[in-house]
Structure formats: structure tokens, C-alpha cells
Protein backbone atom coordinates (compact mmCIF):
# COMPACT_ATOMS: atom_id res chain seq x y z
CA MET A 1 -139.33 179.06 119.17
CA ASN A 2 -135.69 177.49 119.41
CA GLU A 3 -133.11 179.61 117.83
CA LEU A 4 -129.59 180.35 116.67
CA ILE A 5 -128.32 183.76 117.34
CA VAL A 6 -125.80 185.18 115.20
CA ARG A 7 -123.24 187.25 116.78
CA SER A 8 -121.20 187.87 113.75
CA GLY A 9 -121.89 186.68 110.16
CA GLY A 10 -118.22 186.32 109.15
CA LEU A 11 -117.47 187.13 106.18
CA SER A 12 -120.08 185.96 103.99
CA THR A 13 -122.12 183.01 105.35
CA THR A 14 -125.74 182.09 103.92
CA VAL A 15 -128.30 179.78 104.39
CA GLN A 16 -127.70 176.72 101.23
CA ASP A 17 -129.68 173.36 101.40
CA ALA A 18 -129.01 170.65 98.10
CA GLY A 19 -130.64 173.46 95.48
CA ARG A 20 -133.80 175.00 93.81
CA HIS A 21 -133.48 172.57 91.03
CA GLY A 22 -136.46 172.85 88.22
CA GLN A 23 -137.10 176.24 87.96
CA TYR A 24 -134.10 176.75 85.09
CA ALA A 25 -136.96 177.51 82.44
CA ILE A 26 -138.44 180.50 84.80
CA GLY A 27 -134.77 181.68 84.66
CA MET A 28 -133.62 180.60 88.58
CA PRO A 29 -130.63 178.94 88.56
CA PRO A 30 -130.34 176.35 91.64
CA SER A 31 -128.27 178.11 94.35
CA GLY A 32 -127.67 175.31 96.81
CA ALA A 33 -124.29 174.42 98.54
CA LEU A 34 -121.24 174.80 96.48
CA ASP A 35 -119.82 171.87 97.64
CA LEU A 36 -122.17 169.38 98.04
CA TYR A 37 -120.36 166.83 99.40
CA SER A 38 -119.26 168.17 102.62
CA TYR A 39 -123.19 169.37 102.89
CA GLU A 40 -124.12 166.38 102.81
CA ILE A 41 -121.56 164.58 105.37
CA ALA A 42 -122.29 167.76 107.32
CA ASN A 43 -126.40 166.54 107.63
CA VAL A 44 -125.20 162.55 107.92
CA LEU A 45 -123.24 163.94 111.42
CA VAL A 46 -126.02 165.56 112.94
CA GLY A 47 -128.95 163.22 111.92
CA ASN A 48 -130.37 165.46 109.92
CA PRO A 49 -132.80 164.41 106.99
CA ARG A 50 -130.99 164.84 103.19
CA GLY A 51 -132.07 168.59 102.01
CA ALA A 52 -132.07 169.86 105.28
CA ALA A 53 -130.61 173.79 105.76
CA VAL A 54 -127.46 174.45 106.97
CA LEU A 55 -124.76 177.23 106.45
CA GLU A 56 -122.15 177.41 104.18
CA ALA A 57 -119.44 180.22 105.33
CA THR A 58 -116.35 181.49 102.65
CA TYR A 59 -113.23 181.95 104.41
CA LEU A 60 -114.01 183.54 107.45
CA GLY A 61 -116.85 181.70 109.49
CA PRO A 62 -119.81 182.94 111.92
CA GLU A 63 -119.89 183.43 115.65
CA LEU A 64 -123.14 181.53 116.67
CA GLU A 65 -124.78 181.73 120.49
CA PHE A 66 -127.24 178.74 120.71
CA THR A 67 -130.18 179.14 122.79
CA ASP A 68 -130.64 175.00 123.52
CA ALA A 69 -128.73 171.70 123.50
CA ARG A 70 -127.79 170.55 119.77
CA HIS A 71 -125.35 168.21 117.74
CA VAL A 72 -123.54 170.40 115.48
CA ALA A 73 -120.43 169.50 112.55
CA VAL A 74 -118.70 171.46 110.58
CA THR A 75 -116.96 170.16 107.21
CA GLY A 76 -115.59 171.01 104.42
CA ALA A 77 -112.81 173.31 104.50
CA ASP A 78 -109.78 172.86 106.33
CA CYS A 79 -110.28 175.63 109.41
CA GLU A 80 -110.50 176.35 112.67
CA VAL A 81 -113.39 175.54 115.24
CA VAL A 82 -113.93 176.83 118.66
CA ILE A 83 -116.91 176.65 121.28
CA ASN A 84 -116.20 178.58 124.39
CA GLY A 85 -113.20 179.68 122.93
CA GLN A 86 -111.66 175.87 123.22
CA PRO A 87 -110.74 173.89 120.18
CA ALA A 88 -113.27 171.52 118.54
CA PRO A 89 -112.94 169.13 115.76
CA THR A 90 -114.41 168.91 112.87
CA TRP A 91 -115.84 165.93 110.29
CA GLN A 92 -117.76 164.63 113.43
CA PRO A 93 -120.86 165.61 115.90
CA LEU A 94 -120.40 168.09 118.44
CA ARG A 95 -122.29 168.67 121.56
CA VAL A 96 -123.47 172.16 122.29
CA GLU A 97 -125.62 173.44 125.27
CA ALA A 98 -127.86 176.56 125.32
CA GLY A 99 -125.37 179.20 126.01
CA ASP A 100 -122.78 177.78 124.20
CA VAL A 101 -120.74 180.11 121.70
CA LEU A 102 -119.35 178.08 118.00
CA ALA A 103 -117.13 180.14 115.97
CA VAL A 104 -114.73 179.20 112.96
CA PRO A 105 -112.37 182.03 112.82
CA ARG A 106 -110.14 180.83 110.34
CA VAL A 107 -109.47 178.48 107.49
CA ARG A 108 -106.81 177.05 106.96
CA ARG A 109 -106.80 175.28 103.42
CA GLY A 110 -109.94 175.17 101.08
CA ALA A 111 -112.61 177.97 100.85
CA ARG A 112 -115.70 176.97 102.50
CA PRO A 113 -116.93 175.45 105.77
CA TYR A 114 -120.53 173.89 105.89
CA LEU A 115 -122.39 174.14 109.66
CA ALA A 116 -124.99 171.33 110.30
CA VAL A 117 -127.17 171.73 113.18
CA ALA A 118 -129.44 168.99 114.61
CA GLY A 119 -132.96 169.69 113.04
CA GLY A 120 -131.97 172.10 109.75
CA ILE A 121 -132.46 175.61 109.38
CA ASP A 122 -135.57 176.37 109.19
CA VAL A 123 -136.03 179.70 107.30
CA PRO A 124 -139.28 179.20 104.92
CA PRO A 125 -138.70 177.61 101.71
CA TYR A 126 -138.81 179.68 98.29
CA LEU A 127 -140.00 177.28 95.18
CA GLY A 128 -139.04 174.42 97.07
CA SER A 129 -135.75 175.08 98.49
CA ARG A 130 -134.24 177.22 101.73
CA SER A 131 -131.34 178.33 99.54
CA THR A 132 -130.30 181.85 99.40
CA TYR A 133 -130.23 183.65 96.09
CA MET A 134 -128.38 187.31 97.36
CA LEU A 135 -128.54 187.89 93.36
CA THR A 136 -132.24 188.99 93.73
CA GLY A 137 -132.74 188.57 97.54
CA ILE A 138 -134.57 185.47 97.67
CA GLY A 139 -134.14 182.24 99.87
CA GLY A 140 -132.50 181.66 103.09
CA PHE A 141 -132.75 184.22 105.48
CA HIS A 142 -134.72 187.03 104.24
CA GLY A 143 -132.53 186.69 100.63
CA ARG A 144 -129.05 187.72 102.36
CA ALA A 145 -125.85 186.75 104.36
CA LEU A 146 -126.17 186.92 107.93
CA ASN A 147 -125.38 189.69 109.80
CA SER A 148 -124.91 189.94 114.20
CA GLY A 149 -128.27 189.70 115.75
CA ASP A 150 -130.30 187.84 113.23
CA ARG A 151 -131.89 185.06 115.16
CA LEU A 152 -132.25 182.05 112.69
CA PRO A 153 -135.02 179.69 113.65
CA LEU A 154 -134.14 175.98 113.97
CA GLY A 155 -136.16 172.74 113.28
CA ALA A 156 -136.78 170.00 115.71
CA ALA A 157 -133.22 167.63 116.28
CA ALA A 158 -133.25 163.82 116.26
CA PRO A 159 -130.67 163.76 118.68
CA ALA A 160 -131.13 159.31 118.68
CA ALA A 161 -129.94 159.64 114.77
CA VAL A 162 -126.60 161.22 115.07
CA PRO A 163 -123.64 158.93 114.64
CA SER A 164 -121.00 158.62 117.08
CA ALA A 165 -118.15 157.98 115.00
CA GLU A 166 -115.89 160.61 113.09
CA LEU A 167 -115.60 160.97 109.14
CA PRO A 168 -112.47 158.70 108.14
CA GLY A 169 -109.39 160.87 107.19
CA GLU A 170 -109.75 159.14 103.70
CA LEU A 171 -112.90 160.40 102.94
CA ARG A 172 -112.64 163.59 103.55
CA PRO A 173 -111.09 166.27 100.76
CA ASP A 174 -107.92 167.13 99.61
CA PHE A 175 -106.63 170.34 99.10
CA PRO A 176 -104.23 170.37 96.24
CA GLU A 177 -101.53 172.99 95.07
CA VAL A 178 -103.26 172.63 91.69
CA THR A 179 -106.71 171.51 91.20
CA GLU A 180 -107.48 169.22 88.13
CA LEU A 181 -110.61 169.68 86.58
CA ARG A 182 -112.24 167.34 84.32
CA PHE A 183 -113.47 169.30 81.44
CA ILE A 184 -116.26 168.71 78.83
CA VAL A 185 -115.47 170.47 75.59
CA GLY A 186 -118.45 171.26 73.81
CA LEU A 187 -121.35 173.96 73.45
CA CYS A 188 -119.27 176.92 71.80
CA ALA A 189 -115.47 175.50 71.68
CA TYR A 190 -116.26 176.08 67.66
CA ARG A 191 -115.49 179.41 68.72
CA LEU A 192 -112.31 178.84 69.75
CA THR A 193 -108.82 178.15 67.13
CA THR A 194 -107.39 174.29 67.55
CA ASP A 195 -104.26 176.18 69.18
CA ALA A 196 -106.58 177.84 71.42
CA LEU A 197 -108.43 175.37 72.93
CA ARG A 198 -105.51 173.31 73.54
CA SER A 199 -104.20 176.21 75.14
CA PHE A 200 -107.03 176.24 77.39
CA LEU A 201 -106.27 172.95 78.05
CA ASP A 202 -102.52 173.55 78.65
CA THR A 203 -102.32 176.35 80.67
CA GLU A 204 -102.80 176.85 84.57
CA TRP A 205 -104.64 179.28 85.52
CA ARG A 206 -105.10 181.39 88.51
CA VAL A 207 -107.96 181.75 90.37
CA THR A 208 -108.94 185.74 90.61
CA LYS A 209 -110.21 187.90 93.58
CA ASP A 210 -113.42 187.57 91.21
CA ALA A 211 -114.43 183.90 92.33
CA ASP A 212 -118.25 183.58 94.73
CA ARG A 213 -121.09 181.28 94.24
CA VAL A 214 -121.62 183.13 90.59
CA GLY A 215 -118.87 182.24 89.12
CA TYR A 216 -115.22 182.04 89.32
CA ARG A 217 -112.60 184.23 87.26
CA LEU A 218 -109.42 182.97 85.91
CA ARG A 219 -106.24 184.44 84.57
CA GLY A 220 -103.29 183.37 82.74
CA GLY A 221 -103.57 182.81 79.31
CA SER A 222 -105.11 184.38 75.94
CA LEU A 223 -107.23 182.75 73.68
CA GLU A 224 -107.61 183.48 69.97
CA PHE A 225 -111.25 183.34 68.60
CA VAL A 226 -111.73 181.71 64.98
CA GLU A 227 -112.00 185.26 62.54
CA ARG A 228 -116.09 185.18 61.49
CA GLU A 229 -118.69 188.24 60.84
CA GLN A 230 -120.57 187.85 64.04
CA PRO A 231 -124.26 186.86 63.37
CA PHE A 232 -127.20 188.88 63.42
CA GLY A 233 -128.06 189.40 67.42
CA ALA A 234 -124.84 188.69 68.64
CA GLY A 235 -122.50 191.86 69.99
CA SER A 236 -119.30 192.62 68.56
CA ASP A 237 -116.73 190.71 71.26
CA PRO A 238 -115.17 187.88 69.61
CA ALA A 239 -116.80 185.91 72.30
CA ASN A 240 -120.66 187.00 71.60
CA VAL A 241 -122.88 184.59 70.49
CA VAL A 242 -127.13 184.65 69.76
CA ASP A 243 -128.21 184.29 73.23
CA LEU A 244 -127.54 180.33 74.36
CA GLY A 245 -128.20 177.98 78.11
CA TYR A 246 -125.83 178.00 80.59
CA PRO A 247 -125.02 175.05 82.44
CA VAL A 248 -123.85 175.12 85.79
CA GLY A 249 -120.51 174.72 85.93
CA SER A 250 -120.28 175.92 81.85
CA VAL A 251 -117.21 177.59 80.94
CA GLN A 252 -117.21 181.35 79.55
CA VAL A 253 -114.10 183.42 77.91
CA PRO A 254 -115.14 186.84 77.61
CA GLY A 255 -112.31 188.66 75.40
CA GLY A 256 -110.52 185.73 75.65
CA ASP A 257 -108.77 186.63 78.45
CA GLU A 258 -110.48 185.55 81.72
CA PRO A 259 -111.99 182.38 81.72
CA ILE A 260 -115.53 182.51 83.86
CA VAL A 261 -116.80 179.24 85.88
CA LEU A 262 -120.22 179.29 86.24
CA LEU A 263 -121.73 178.10 89.59
CA ASN A 264 -124.72 177.84 91.54
CA ASP A 265 -125.86 181.21 91.41
CA ALA A 266 -124.84 182.13 87.52
CA VAL A 267 -127.59 183.38 85.31
CA THR A 268 -128.98 180.88 83.31
CA GLY A 269 -128.61 182.18 79.79
CA GLY A 270 -126.93 184.89 77.70
CA GLY A 271 -124.45 185.64 74.88
CA TYR A 272 -121.20 184.78 75.73
CA ALA A 273 -119.89 181.91 74.21
CA THR A 274 -119.22 178.70 76.80
CA ILE A 275 -116.38 176.46 75.54
CA GLY A 276 -117.52 173.40 77.63
CA THR A 277 -118.23 172.20 81.41
CA VAL A 278 -116.61 171.16 84.26
CA ILE A 279 -118.13 167.47 85.23
CA SER A 280 -120.51 167.70 88.67
CA ALA A 281 -118.43 165.40 90.40
CA ASP A 282 -115.95 168.10 90.37
CA ARG A 283 -117.78 171.67 91.12
CA ASP A 284 -117.01 170.37 94.72
CA LEU A 285 -113.65 171.22 93.70
CA VAL A 286 -114.33 174.36 92.42
CA ALA A 287 -116.21 175.48 95.59
CA GLN A 288 -113.04 174.81 97.63
CA THR A 289 -110.70 176.63 95.56
CA ARG A 290 -108.94 180.01 97.03
CA THR A 291 -108.66 183.63 95.23
CA GLY A 292 -105.16 182.96 94.28
CA SER A 293 -104.64 179.52 93.91
CA ARG A 294 -103.74 177.05 90.65
CA VAL A 295 -106.37 174.74 88.30
CA ARG A 296 -106.19 173.01 85.09
CA PHE A 297 -108.71 171.19 83.02
CA THR A 298 -108.68 168.21 81.49
CA ALA A 299 -111.00 167.01 78.88
CA VAL A 300 -112.82 164.32 79.36
CA ASP A 301 -115.80 162.27 77.58
CA LEU A 302 -119.55 161.95 78.88
CA ASP A 303 -118.87 158.27 79.60
CA ALA A 304 -115.84 159.34 81.78
CA ALA A 305 -118.27 162.05 82.64
CA MET A 306 -120.73 159.59 84.34
CA ALA A 307 -118.42 157.50 85.47
CA ALA A 308 -117.03 160.39 87.76
CA ARG A 309 -120.44 160.81 89.43
CA GLN A 310 -121.03 157.28 89.88
CA GLU A 311 -117.63 157.15 91.76
CA ARG A 312 -118.90 160.40 93.78
CA ARG A 313 -121.92 158.25 95.08
CA ALA A 314 -120.35 155.47 95.68
CA ARG A 315 -117.80 157.83 97.96
CA LEU A 316 -120.78 159.35 99.61
CA ALA A 317 -122.66 155.49 100.36
CA LYS A 318 -119.46 154.67 101.69
CA ALA A 319 -119.12 157.78 104.54
CA ARG A 320 -122.42 156.95 105.65
CA VAL A 321 -122.02 153.25 106.44
CA ALA A 322 -118.36 154.58 108.07
CA LEU A 323 -120.56 156.69 109.97
CA ASP A 324 -123.21 154.06 110.34
CA ALA A 325 -125.93 155.66 108.48
CA ASP A 326 -128.45 154.78 105.98
CA PRO A 327 -126.05 154.67 102.63
CA SER A 328 -128.74 154.63 100.26
């Protein structure tokens, strides 16, 4: 069996694919790559089919030894990549041989590098996905982040499909000083006063250290709730409501002090007010926002959100064309 030997797992490196969709009814979040654009381009660069599993790292990437010749690619965060101690580029296919060691020792900007290997990470699927959901220990490699000594199975590679080009710079992500997140106001926004909702949108929030695949906790302001008698079944916190579902990207405001943007590994429902949702096209931006970075929310309507989704699809298709891959 062809394997990938983990010399070091880095800070938190997990196996992820496009996600475990269609399971919300049983309380199962999708998991999957947080930055789907970088994930998809990584697979294109090594000739993998859509949906192949890759490695998603956070801040400090893994160190990996190859047991056979493969193409690999690193995308996502602006990071340092070395092969056998020598610098290597990102956003293009890289050839490795048996015994070669690739490491991602440092992230300069952004938060999450993605490493695709030709053939994909061939761990067993669980409920239709190879993605890791660490909160319950399912999927991926034994349901956890990688550790030294792990040996990851690899699928059969298709070297003839590997592009010869690198992704043009204009199609790579930016890492702005302040990340602008488009946001659809809704769900339980009625729980905030008009001034508080305006303050939420006007505030420049800072990402706290509590920022992971479950959610990003923000700090920077205080939001006032409309006074009311709590309904039967809701808790005493003014942010409590009778339980409701949480879409991926929805924003909680527990206590009104520290909003939380819920991400791919968050629970699917609960009893906190969610005042709206970060649009799907901008969740890649959340994935690449670091602890200590700043974010702002801009209110948009559903039409603008759908247009942004189409623009993202067009950008991905353009990237596939630039890499001489199937744009469909």
C-alpha cells in the first residue's frame, strides 16, 4: 500500500474533503474544508477528481515523508514550503519521489494551508465523506488530527492529468488588514435593538484566540437586546431563544459581548439567537483570518448573496481554464 508517513502533524492537521452534506437532520454538521476555493484548486493542481480528500493545516503545517513518486500542491494561506530542506513554491504542482520529505513550517499570512496529493488521501469514508469531525471523533484518520508516526493511505495517482501551469497571482486569495464579510441579516435579529444591530455592522471586530473549525469568537463591542419576558423553554440569558437550527456561517451573540461565527464543525442547532449569516462565498475568507485579525460585516440581501456565489463559481472556472483543466 502506498502511504504518506507523518513525521510531524503540525499544530492541527486533519483530512478534509468537500464535506459531509445532507446529514443536518440527524444533527451532523458538514465538516469539510473551511476554504473551499483553496481546497478545490489544490486538487486541480495534482489532477485529482472533485471531492478528493486533502490535508488542511492550521498555522503550523505537517512534515510528511513520501513512499513513492507523486505530484503534490500546497494552496491556501501564504506559507513556507520546503522539500528536503529546499524552498518550494505554492499554487503549482510539485514532484516528489520516494523518500522525499515535505514540510510546511511557517504561515506568513492567512491561517490554513491545504496540501493535496495525487490520488487523494484514501481514508475510509463515513456517511459519504472522508472529512474529519473531531468533536465526535469520526471520519478522516481515526477522527482526529494527525500525529507523528501516522501512516496515511493514498489512492492511485493519475499523473497524466496534472496541469503544467501555476495558478496566476490574480486568482489567488488576498489577505487584507481588515476582512470584509458580507452578511444577511435575519433569523433572530429582532432580539437586538435597532442601535445594537447598527453597532454590530459598524464595529471593527477582532478575532480572539477562540477561533477554530467550530467557530470564530469576536471581540470589540457590546450589543443591547430588546427587553422582554423570556418565553417558556428559553434560558435566562437575553440571547437565549427557544431552540432553532444553525446554518453554517450563522452568527450567535451570547450575552451580546462576543459574537461567534459558526463554521463547518459547529452544532446544528441550539438556544442562542443567531442574528444573521455570513454568505457562503465569504466563508473562505473567514477560514484564512487569523487570531488577532480584524473583521467587519456588511449587510447584503439574498440577491447579492446569490450573485456572489455565481461570481465565486466563475472565478473557480476561470482558474480551471488557466490551469488547462475541465472548467465544468
